[in-house]
């Protein structure tokens, strides 16, 4: 993949998914504070896997949300590491 294709197609998608992920985590934390209906953990995990790992990690740290669940405190950084490795591979091949 050429750097041009990466910056023109994949990078905006990564930015969008990270922003969307961060907003979803913030909204879920807001709902949790007021003891209202919550966003399913499955949706949080799906958004993380689909490119929003950086936003998910930021949401976890900033809002102190889902930090006690191994699925998230181990899974989100692992997914972020894998996504970064894929991006580096795509840029260097």
PDB file of N, CA and C in Angstrom:
ATOM      1  N   UNK A   1       0.849  -1.170   0.000  1.00  0.00           N
ATOM      2  CA  UNK A   1       0.000   0.000   0.000  1.00  0.00           C
ATOM      3  C   UNK A   1       0.897   1.236   0.000  1.00  0.00           C
ATOM      4  N   UNK A   2       0.635   2.132  -0.874  1.00  0.00           N
ATOM      5  CA  UNK A   2       1.448   3.343  -0.943  1.00  0.00           C
ATOM      6  C   UNK A   2       1.056   4.298   0.181  1.00  0.00           C
ATOM      7  N   UNK A   3       1.993   5.133   0.618  1.00  0.00           N
ATOM      8  CA  UNK A   3       1.666   6.093   1.676  1.00  0.00           C
ATOM      9  C   UNK A   3       0.506   7.010   1.291  1.00  0.00           C
ATOM     10  N   UNK A   4       0.364   7.321   0.003  1.00  0.00           N
ATOM     11  CA  UNK A   4      -0.731   8.181  -0.438  1.00  0.00           C
ATOM     12  C   UNK A   4      -2.082   7.531  -0.154  1.00  0.00           C
ATOM     13  N   UNK A   5      -2.220   6.253  -0.510  1.00  0.00           N
ATOM     14  CA  UNK A   5      -3.476   5.540  -0.262  1.00  0.00           C
ATOM     15  C   UNK A   5      -3.736   5.440   1.227  1.00  0.00           C
ATOM     16  N   UNK A   6      -2.681   5.207   1.995  1.00  0.00           N
ATOM     17  CA  UNK A   6      -2.838   5.104   3.450  1.00  0.00           C
ATOM     18  C   UNK A   6      -3.365   6.413   4.016  1.00  0.00           C
ATOM     19  N   UNK A   7      -2.750   7.524   3.633  1.00  0.00           N
ATOM     20  CA  UNK A   7      -3.150   8.815   4.207  1.00  0.00           C
ATOM     21  C   UNK A   7      -4.479   9.300   3.651  1.00  0.00           C
ATOM     22  N   UNK A   8      -4.836   8.896   2.446  1.00  0.00           N
ATOM     23  CA  UNK A   8      -6.090   9.368   1.849  1.00  0.00           C
ATOM     24  C   UNK A   8      -7.295   8.516   2.206  1.00  0.00           C
ATOM     25  N   UNK A   9      -7.102   7.257   2.523  1.00  0.00           N
ATOM     26  CA  UNK A   9      -8.245   6.389   2.785  1.00  0.00           C
ATOM     27  C   UNK A   9      -8.248   5.808   4.196  1.00  0.00           C
ATOM     28  N   UNK A  10      -7.159   5.195   4.588  1.00  0.00           N
ATOM     29  CA  UNK A  10      -7.144   4.485   5.865  1.00  0.00           C
ATOM     30  C   UNK A  10      -7.024   5.429   7.057  1.00  0.00           C
ATOM     31  N   UNK A  11      -6.214   6.441   6.955  1.00  0.00           N
ATOM     32  CA  UNK A  11      -6.012   7.354   8.074  1.00  0.00           C
ATOM     33  C   UNK A  11      -7.287   8.106   8.478  1.00  0.00           C
ATOM     34  N   UNK A  12      -8.060   8.651   7.530  1.00  0.00           N
ATOM     35  CA  UNK A  12      -9.321   9.279   7.944  1.00  0.00           C
ATOM     36  C   UNK A  12     -10.284   8.290   8.601  1.00  0.00           C
ATOM     37  N   UNK A  13     -10.275   7.041   8.134  1.00  0.00           N
ATOM     38  CA  UNK A  13     -11.120   6.026   8.752  1.00  0.00           C
ATOM     39  C   UNK A  13     -10.682   5.758  10.195  1.00  0.00           C
ATOM     40  N   UNK A  14      -9.377   5.695  10.423  1.00  0.00           N
ATOM     41  CA  UNK A  14      -8.860   5.473  11.769  1.00  0.00           C
ATOM     42  C   UNK A  14      -9.242   6.642  12.681  1.00  0.00           C
ATOM     43  N   UNK A  15      -9.092   7.861  12.187  1.00  0.00           N
ATOM     44  CA  UNK A  15      -9.486   9.035  12.979  1.00  0.00           C
ATOM     45  C   UNK A  15     -10.968   9.001  13.323  1.00  0.00           C
ATOM     46  N   UNK A  16     -11.794   8.716  12.329  1.00  0.00           N
ATOM     47  CA  UNK A  16     -13.239   8.689  12.547  1.00  0.00           C
ATOM     48  C   UNK A  16     -13.617   7.617  13.558  1.00  0.00           C
ATOM     49  N   UNK A  17     -13.085   6.412  13.404  1.00  0.00           N
ATOM     50  CA  UNK A  17     -13.434   5.317  14.321  1.00  0.00           C
ATOM     51  C   UNK A  17     -12.945   5.601  15.738  1.00  0.00           C
ATOM     52  N   UNK A  18     -11.780   6.219  15.875  1.00  0.00           N
ATOM     53  CA  UNK A  18     -11.280   6.553  17.208  1.00  0.00           C
ATOM     54  C   UNK A  18     -12.157   7.615  17.867  1.00  0.00           C
ATOM     55  N   UNK A  19     -12.561   8.610  17.104  1.00  0.00           N
ATOM     56  CA  UNK A  19     -13.439   9.643  17.646  1.00  0.00           C
ATOM     57  C   UNK A  19     -14.798   9.060  18.021  1.00  0.00           C
ATOM     58  N   UNK A  20     -15.352   8.239  17.146  1.00  0.00           N
ATOM     59  CA  UNK A  20     -16.629   7.583  17.428  1.00  0.00           C
ATOM     60  C   UNK A  20     -16.527   6.714  18.669  1.00  0.00           C
ATOM     61  N   UNK A  21     -15.456   5.964  18.777  1.00  0.00           N
ATOM     62  CA  UNK A  21     -15.243   5.099  19.928  1.00  0.00           C
ATOM     63  C   UNK A  21     -15.159   5.911  21.223  1.00  0.00           C
ATOM     64  N   UNK A  22     -14.408   7.003  21.189  1.00  0.00           N
ATOM     65  CA  UNK A  22     -14.271   7.850  22.367  1.00  0.00           C
ATOM     66  C   UNK A  22     -15.629   8.407  22.794  1.00  0.00           C
ATOM     67  N   UNK A  23     -16.426   8.850  21.843  1.00  0.00           N
ATOM     68  CA  UNK A  23     -17.747   9.394  22.145  1.00  0.00           C
ATOM     69  C   UNK A  23     -18.656   8.327  22.735  1.00  0.00           C
ATOM     70  N   UNK A  24     -18.609   7.118  22.189  1.00  0.00           N
ATOM     71  CA  UNK A  24     -19.433   6.029  22.715  1.00  0.00           C
ATOM     72  C   UNK A  24     -19.030   5.685  24.143  1.00  0.00           C
ATOM     73  N   UNK A  25     -17.728   5.641  24.424  1.00  0.00           N
ATOM     74  CA  UNK A  25     -17.265   5.354  25.789  1.00  0.00           C
ATOM     75  C   UNK A  25     -17.694   6.467  26.741  1.00  0.00           C
ATOM     76  N   UNK A  26     -17.608   7.719  26.308  1.00  0.00           N
ATOM     77  CA  UNK A  26     -18.025   8.840  27.153  1.00  0.00           C
ATOM     78  C   UNK A  26     -19.518   8.758  27.440  1.00  0.00           C
ATOM     79  N   UNK A  27     -20.298   8.452  26.418  1.00  0.00           N
ATOM     80  CA  UNK A  27     -21.746   8.359  26.594  1.00  0.00           C
ATOM     81  C   UNK A  27     -22.105   7.209  27.526  1.00  0.00           C
ATOM     82  N   UNK A  28     -21.420   6.079  27.400  1.00  0.00           N
ATOM     83  CA  UNK A  28     -21.691   4.947  28.281  1.00  0.00           C
ATOM     84  C   UNK A  28     -21.348   5.292  29.726  1.00  0.00           C
ATOM     85  N   UNK A  29     -20.253   5.992  29.937  1.00  0.00           N
ATOM     86  CA  UNK A  29     -19.892   6.404  31.297  1.00  0.00           C
ATOM     87  C   UNK A  29     -20.935   7.374  31.855  1.00  0.00           C
ATOM     88  N   UNK A  30     -21.397   8.291  31.017  1.00  0.00           N
ATOM     89  CA  UNK A  30     -22.435   9.229  31.439  1.00  0.00           C
ATOM     90  C   UNK A  30     -23.695   8.475  31.865  1.00  0.00           C
ATOM     91  N   UNK A  31     -24.083   7.487  31.072  1.00  0.00           N
ATOM     92  CA  UNK A  31     -25.270   6.690  31.398  1.00  0.00           C
ATOM     93  C   UNK A  31     -25.046   5.881  32.677  1.00  0.00           C
ATOM     94  N   UNK A  32     -23.834   5.415  32.895  1.00  0.00           N
ATOM     95  CA  UNK A  32     -23.538   4.627  34.092  1.00  0.00           C
ATOM     96  C   UNK A  32     -23.649   5.479  35.349  1.00  0.00           C
ATOM     97  N   UNK A  33     -23.185   6.707  35.276  1.00  0.00           N
ATOM     98  CA  UNK A  33     -23.229   7.594  36.440  1.00  0.00           C
ATOM     99  C   UNK A  33     -24.675   7.845  36.873  1.00  0.00           C
ATOM    100  N   UNK A  34     -25.574   7.968  35.897  1.00  0.00           N
ATOM    101  CA  UNK A  34     -26.976   8.256  36.200  1.00  0.00           C
ATOM    102  C   UNK A  34     -27.840   7.002  36.267  1.00  0.00           C
ATOM    103  N   UNK A  35     -27.216   5.830  36.324  1.00  0.00           N
ATOM    104  CA  UNK A  35     -27.900   4.539  36.472  1.00  0.00           C
ATOM    105  C   UNK A  35     -29.004   4.357  35.439  1.00  0.00           C
ATOM    106  N   UNK A  36     -28.683   4.628  34.188  1.00  0.00           N
ATOM    107  CA  UNK A  36     -29.639   4.456  33.101  1.00  0.00           C
ATOM    108  C   UNK A  36     -29.178   3.316  32.200  1.00  0.00           C
ATOM    109  N   UNK A  37     -29.983   3.047  31.167  1.00  0.00           N
ATOM    110  CA  UNK A  37     -29.677   1.994  30.220  1.00  0.00           C
ATOM    111  C   UNK A  37     -28.294   2.218  29.633  1.00  0.00           C
ATOM    112  N   UNK A  38     -27.514   1.141  29.532  1.00  0.00           N
ATOM    113  CA  UNK A  38     -26.118   1.238  29.114  1.00  0.00           C
ATOM    114  C   UNK A  38     -25.905   0.694  27.717  1.00  0.00           C
ATOM    115  N   UNK A  39     -24.804   1.084  27.125  1.00  0.00           N
ATOM    116  CA  UNK A  39     -24.394   0.545  25.837  1.00  0.00           C
ATOM    117  C   UNK A  39     -23.817  -0.854  26.089  1.00  0.00           C
ATOM    118  N   UNK A  40     -24.237  -1.848  25.319  1.00  0.00           N
ATOM    119  CA  UNK A  40     -23.726  -3.212  25.547  1.00  0.00           C
ATOM    120  C   UNK A  40     -22.204  -3.288  25.366  1.00  0.00           C
ATOM    121  N   UNK A  41     -21.576  -4.113  26.200  1.00  0.00           N
ATOM    122  CA  UNK A  41     -20.128  -4.296  26.108  1.00  0.00           C
ATOM    123  C   UNK A  41     -19.724  -4.832  24.743  1.00  0.00           C
ATOM    124  N   UNK A  42     -20.600  -5.602  24.134  1.00  0.00           N
ATOM    125  CA  UNK A  42     -20.321  -6.138  22.805  1.00  0.00           C
ATOM    126  C   UNK A  42     -20.106  -5.004  21.804  1.00  0.00           C
ATOM    127  N   UNK A  43     -20.924  -3.965  21.875  1.00  0.00           N
ATOM    128  CA  UNK A  43     -20.774  -2.831  20.962  1.00  0.00           C
ATOM    129  C   UNK A  43     -19.470  -2.085  21.233  1.00  0.00           C
ATOM    130  N   UNK A  44     -19.116  -1.914  22.511  1.00  0.00           N
ATOM    131  CA  UNK A  44     -17.845  -1.269  22.844  1.00  0.00           C
ATOM    132  C   UNK A  44     -16.669  -2.069  22.268  1.00  0.00           C
ATOM    133  N   UNK A  45     -16.753  -3.390  22.364  1.00  0.00           N
ATOM    134  CA  UNK A  45     -15.684  -4.241  21.843  1.00  0.00           C
ATOM    135  C   UNK A  45     -15.627  -4.195  20.318  1.00  0.00           C
ATOM    136  N   UNK A  46     -16.776  -4.190  19.665  1.00  0.00           N
ATOM    137  CA  UNK A  46     -16.811  -4.156  18.199  1.00  0.00           C
ATOM    138  C   UNK A  46     -16.207  -2.861  17.667  1.00  0.00           C
ATOM    139  N   UNK A  47     -16.575  -1.737  18.265  1.00  0.00           N
ATOM    140  CA  UNK A  47     -16.035  -0.448  17.818  1.00  0.00           C
ATOM    141  C   UNK A  47     -14.520  -0.413  18.024  1.00  0.00           C
ATOM    142  N   UNK A  48     -14.062  -1.021  19.104  1.00  0.00           N
ATOM    143  CA  UNK A  48     -12.625  -1.086  19.371  1.00  0.00           C
ATOM    144  C   UNK A  48     -11.909  -1.894  18.292  1.00  0.00           C
ATOM    145  N   UNK A  49     -12.449  -3.040  17.948  1.00  0.00           N
ATOM    146  CA  UNK A  49     -11.817  -3.914  16.961  1.00  0.00           C
ATOM    147  C   UNK A  49     -11.856  -3.296  15.564  1.00  0.00           C
ATOM    148  N   UNK A  50     -12.888  -2.544  15.246  1.00  0.00           N
ATOM    149  CA  UNK A  50     -13.040  -1.988  13.904  1.00  0.00           C
ATOM    150  C   UNK A  50     -12.223  -0.728  13.666  1.00  0.00           C
ATOM    151  N   UNK A  51     -11.233  -0.475  14.494  1.00  0.00           N
ATOM    152  CA  UNK A  51     -10.327   0.642  14.247  1.00  0.00           C
ATOM    153  C   UNK A  51     -10.347   1.717  15.304  1.00  0.00           C
ATOM    154  N   UNK A  52     -11.175   1.575  16.322  1.00  0.00           N
ATOM    155  CA  UNK A  52     -11.277   2.610  17.336  1.00  0.00           C
ATOM    156  C   UNK A  52     -10.537   2.304  18.623  1.00  0.00           C
ATOM    157  N   UNK A  53      -9.473   1.534  18.545  1.00  0.00           N
ATOM    158  CA  UNK A  53      -8.758   1.125  19.759  1.00  0.00           C
ATOM    159  C   UNK A  53      -8.134   2.320  20.483  1.00  0.00           C
ATOM    160  N   UNK A  54      -7.606   3.283  19.733  1.00  0.00           N
ATOM    161  CA  UNK A  54      -6.992   4.441  20.378  1.00  0.00           C
ATOM    162  C   UNK A  54      -8.057   5.255  21.128  1.00  0.00           C
ATOM    163  N   UNK A  55      -9.192   5.474  20.519  1.00  0.00           N
ATOM    164  CA  UNK A  55     -10.281   6.195  21.183  1.00  0.00           C
ATOM    165  C   UNK A  55     -10.817   5.443  22.389  1.00  0.00           C
ATOM    166  N   UNK A  56     -10.873   4.117  22.282  1.00  0.00           N
ATOM    167  CA  UNK A  56     -11.332   3.304  23.403  1.00  0.00           C
ATOM    168  C   UNK A  56     -10.367   3.397  24.584  1.00  0.00           C
ATOM    169  N   UNK A  57      -9.081   3.314  24.280  1.00  0.00           N
ATOM    170  CA  UNK A  57      -8.089   3.417  25.352  1.00  0.00           C
ATOM    171  C   UNK A  57      -8.140   4.795  26.006  1.00  0.00           C
ATOM    172  N   UNK A  58      -8.265   5.835  25.210  1.00  0.00           N
ATOM    173  CA  UNK A  58      -8.396   7.188  25.772  1.00  0.00           C
ATOM    174  C   UNK A  58      -9.652   7.296  26.626  1.00  0.00           C
ATOM    175  N   UNK A  59     -10.756   6.735  26.160  1.00  0.00           N
ATOM    176  CA  UNK A  59     -11.998   6.754  26.933  1.00  0.00           C
ATOM    177  C   UNK A  59     -11.876   5.997  28.238  1.00  0.00           C
ATOM    178  N   UNK A  60     -11.187   4.868  28.200  1.00  0.00           N
ATOM    179  CA  UNK A  60     -10.986   4.104  29.430  1.00  0.00           C
ATOM    180  C   UNK A  60     -10.204   4.916  30.452  1.00  0.00           C
ATOM    181  N   UNK A  61      -9.130   5.552  30.009  1.00  0.00           N
ATOM    182  CA  UNK A  61      -8.237   6.264  30.919  1.00  0.00           C
ATOM    183  C   UNK A  61      -8.873   7.572  31.410  1.00  0.00           C
ATOM    184  N   UNK A  62      -9.405   8.360  30.490  1.00  0.00           N
ATOM    185  CA  UNK A  62      -9.944   9.672  30.865  1.00  0.00           C
ATOM    186  C   UNK A  62     -11.179   9.541  31.741  1.00  0.00           C
ATOM    187  N   UNK A  63     -12.070   8.608  31.406  1.00  0.00           N
ATOM    188  CA  UNK A  63     -13.314   8.478  32.164  1.00  0.00           C
ATOM    189  C   UNK A  63     -13.257   7.400  33.231  1.00  0.00           C
ATOM    190  N   UNK A  64     -12.111   6.728  33.374  1.00  0.00           N
ATOM    191  CA  UNK A  64     -11.947   5.635  34.335  1.00  0.00           C
ATOM    192  C   UNK A  64     -13.102   4.651  34.206  1.00  0.00           C
ATOM    193  N   UNK A  65     -13.292   4.178  32.994  1.00  0.00           N
ATOM    194  CA  UNK A  65     -14.462   3.370  32.670  1.00  0.00           C
ATOM    195  C   UNK A  65     -14.029   1.997  32.170  1.00  0.00           C
ATOM    196  N   UNK A  66     -14.638   0.964  32.727  1.00  0.00           N
ATOM    197  CA  UNK A  66     -14.361  -0.428  32.361  1.00  0.00           C
ATOM    198  C   UNK A  66     -12.915  -0.827  32.662  1.00  0.00           C
ATOM    199  N   UNK A  67     -12.297  -0.180  33.625  1.00  0.00           N
ATOM    200  CA  UNK A  67     -10.888  -0.452  33.946  1.00  0.00           C
ATOM    201  C   UNK A  67     -10.694  -1.702  34.787  1.00  0.00           C
ATOM    202  N   UNK A  68     -11.758  -2.251  35.327  1.00  0.00           N
ATOM    203  CA  UNK A  68     -11.638  -3.437  36.165  1.00  0.00           C
ATOM    204  C   UNK A  68     -11.951  -4.730  35.425  1.00  0.00           C
ATOM    205  N   UNK A  69     -12.424  -4.620  34.213  1.00  0.00           N
ATOM    206  CA  UNK A  69     -12.806  -5.811  33.450  1.00  0.00           C
ATOM    207  C   UNK A  69     -11.641  -6.254  32.569  1.00  0.00           C
ATOM    208  N   UNK A  70     -11.179  -7.504  32.741  1.00  0.00           N
ATOM    209  CA  UNK A  70     -10.027  -7.983  31.967  1.00  0.00           C
ATOM    210  C   UNK A  70     -10.240  -7.902  30.458  1.00  0.00           C
ATOM    211  N   UNK A  71     -11.471  -8.097  29.999  1.00  0.00           N
ATOM    212  CA  UNK A  71     -11.735  -7.993  28.574  1.00  0.00           C
ATOM    213  C   UNK A  71     -11.290  -6.644  28.033  1.00  0.00           C
ATOM    214  N   UNK A  72     -11.402  -5.612  28.839  1.00  0.00           N
ATOM    215  CA  UNK A  72     -11.075  -4.274  28.387  1.00  0.00           C
ATOM    216  C   UNK A  72      -9.676  -3.823  28.797  1.00  0.00           C
ATOM    217  N   UNK A  73      -9.270  -4.053  30.055  1.00  0.00           N
ATOM    218  CA  UNK A  73      -7.949  -3.551  30.445  1.00  0.00           C
ATOM    219  C   UNK A  73      -6.804  -4.358  29.847  1.00  0.00           C
ATOM    220  N   UNK A  74      -7.081  -5.557  29.370  1.00  0.00           N
ATOM    221  CA  UNK A  74      -6.079  -6.328  28.636  1.00  0.00           C
ATOM    222  C   UNK A  74      -6.354  -6.255  27.136  1.00  0.00           C
ATOM    223  N   UNK A  75      -7.619  -6.385  26.774  1.00  0.00           N
ATOM    224  CA  UNK A  75      -7.992  -6.474  25.366  1.00  0.00           C
ATOM    225  C   UNK A  75      -7.781  -5.204  24.567  1.00  0.00           C
ATOM    226  N   UNK A  76      -8.152  -4.055  25.120  1.00  0.00           N
ATOM    227  CA  UNK A  76      -8.037  -2.800  24.366  1.00  0.00           C
ATOM    228  C   UNK A  76      -6.577  -2.461  24.046  1.00  0.00           C
ATOM    229  N   UNK A  77      -5.659  -2.495  25.023  1.00  0.00           N
ATOM    230  CA  UNK A  77      -4.259  -2.240  24.654  1.00  0.00           C
ATOM    231  C   UNK A  77      -3.698  -3.275  23.675  1.00  0.00           C
ATOM    232  N   UNK A  78      -4.115  -4.540  23.814  1.00  0.00           N
ATOM    233  CA  UNK A  78      -3.643  -5.573  22.889  1.00  0.00           C
ATOM    234  C   UNK A  78      -4.139  -5.302  21.472  1.00  0.00           C
ATOM    235  N   UNK A  79      -5.403  -4.923  21.346  1.00  0.00           N
ATOM    236  CA  UNK A  79      -5.952  -4.615  20.026  1.00  0.00           C
ATOM    237  C   UNK A  79      -5.268  -3.389  19.443  1.00  0.00           C
ATOM    238  N   UNK A  80      -5.000  -2.383  20.271  1.00  0.00           N
ATOM    239  CA  UNK A  80      -4.299  -1.193  19.798  1.00  0.00           C
ATOM    240  C   UNK A  80      -2.904  -1.558  19.286  1.00  0.00           C
ATOM    241  N   UNK A  81      -2.206  -2.400  20.002  1.00  0.00           N
ATOM    242  CA  UNK A  81      -0.877  -2.839  19.577  1.00  0.00           C
ATOM    243  C   UNK A  81      -0.955  -3.557  18.228  1.00  0.00           C
ATOM    244  N   UNK A  82      -1.935  -4.438  18.078  1.00  0.00           N
ATOM    245  CA  UNK A  82      -2.103  -5.173  16.826  1.00  0.00           C
ATOM    246  C   UNK A  82      -2.431  -4.221  15.683  1.00  0.00           C
ATOM    247  N   UNK A  83      -3.313  -3.256  15.946  1.00  0.00           N
ATOM    248  CA  UNK A  83      -3.670  -2.294  14.900  1.00  0.00           C
ATOM    249  C   UNK A  83      -2.465  -1.447  14.483  1.00  0.00           C
ATOM    250  N   UNK A  84      -1.670  -1.014  15.434  1.00  0.00           N
ATOM    251  CA  UNK A  84      -0.471  -0.237  15.101  1.00  0.00           C
ATOM    252  C   UNK A  84       0.495  -1.086  14.279  1.00  0.00           C
ATOM    253  N   UNK A  85       0.653  -2.351  14.664  1.00  0.00           N
ATOM    254  CA  UNK A  85       1.539  -3.243  13.905  1.00  0.00           C
ATOM    255  C   UNK A  85       1.042  -3.408  12.471  1.00  0.00           C
ATOM    256  N   UNK A  86      -0.260  -3.524  12.277  1.00  0.00           N
ATOM    257  CA  UNK A  86      -0.821  -3.651  10.929  1.00  0.00           C
ATOM    258  C   UNK A  86      -0.581  -2.375  10.134  1.00  0.00           C
ATOM    259  N   UNK A  87      -0.789  -1.220  10.752  1.00  0.00           N
ATOM    260  CA  UNK A  87      -0.582   0.049  10.056  1.00  0.00           C
ATOM    261  C   UNK A  87       0.880   0.222   9.641  1.00  0.00           C
ATOM    262  N   UNK A  88       1.794  -0.120  10.533  1.00  0.00           N
ATOM    263  CA  UNK A  88       3.221  -0.020  10.216  1.00  0.00           C
ATOM    264  C   UNK A  88       3.573  -0.972   9.084  1.00  0.00           C
ATOM    265  N   UNK A  89       3.054  -2.177   9.137  1.00  0.00           N
ATOM    266  CA  UNK A  89       3.297  -3.140   8.066  1.00  0.00           C
ATOM    267  C   UNK A  89       2.790  -2.614   6.728  1.00  0.00           C
ATOM    268  N   UNK A  90       1.581  -2.064   6.721  1.00  0.00           N
ATOM    269  CA  UNK A  90       1.020  -1.544   5.473  1.00  0.00           C
ATOM    270  C   UNK A  90       1.827  -0.370   4.918  1.00  0.00           C
ATOM    271  N   UNK A  91       2.384   0.426   5.808  1.00  0.00           N
ATOM    272  CA  UNK A  91       3.176   1.578   5.349  1.00  0.00           C
ATOM    273  C   UNK A  91       4.562   1.192   4.848  1.00  0.00           C
ATOM    274  N   UNK A  92       5.113   0.105   5.357  1.00  0.00           N
ATOM    275  CA  UNK A  92       6.497  -0.244   5.037  1.00  0.00           C
ATOM    276  C   UNK A  92       6.642  -1.315   3.971  1.00  0.00           C
ATOM    277  N   UNK A  93       5.567  -1.854   3.507  1.00  0.00           N
ATOM    278  CA  UNK A  93       5.741  -2.913   2.491  1.00  0.00           C
ATOM    279  C   UNK A  93       5.723  -2.353   1.108  1.00  0.00           C
TER     280      UNK A  93
END
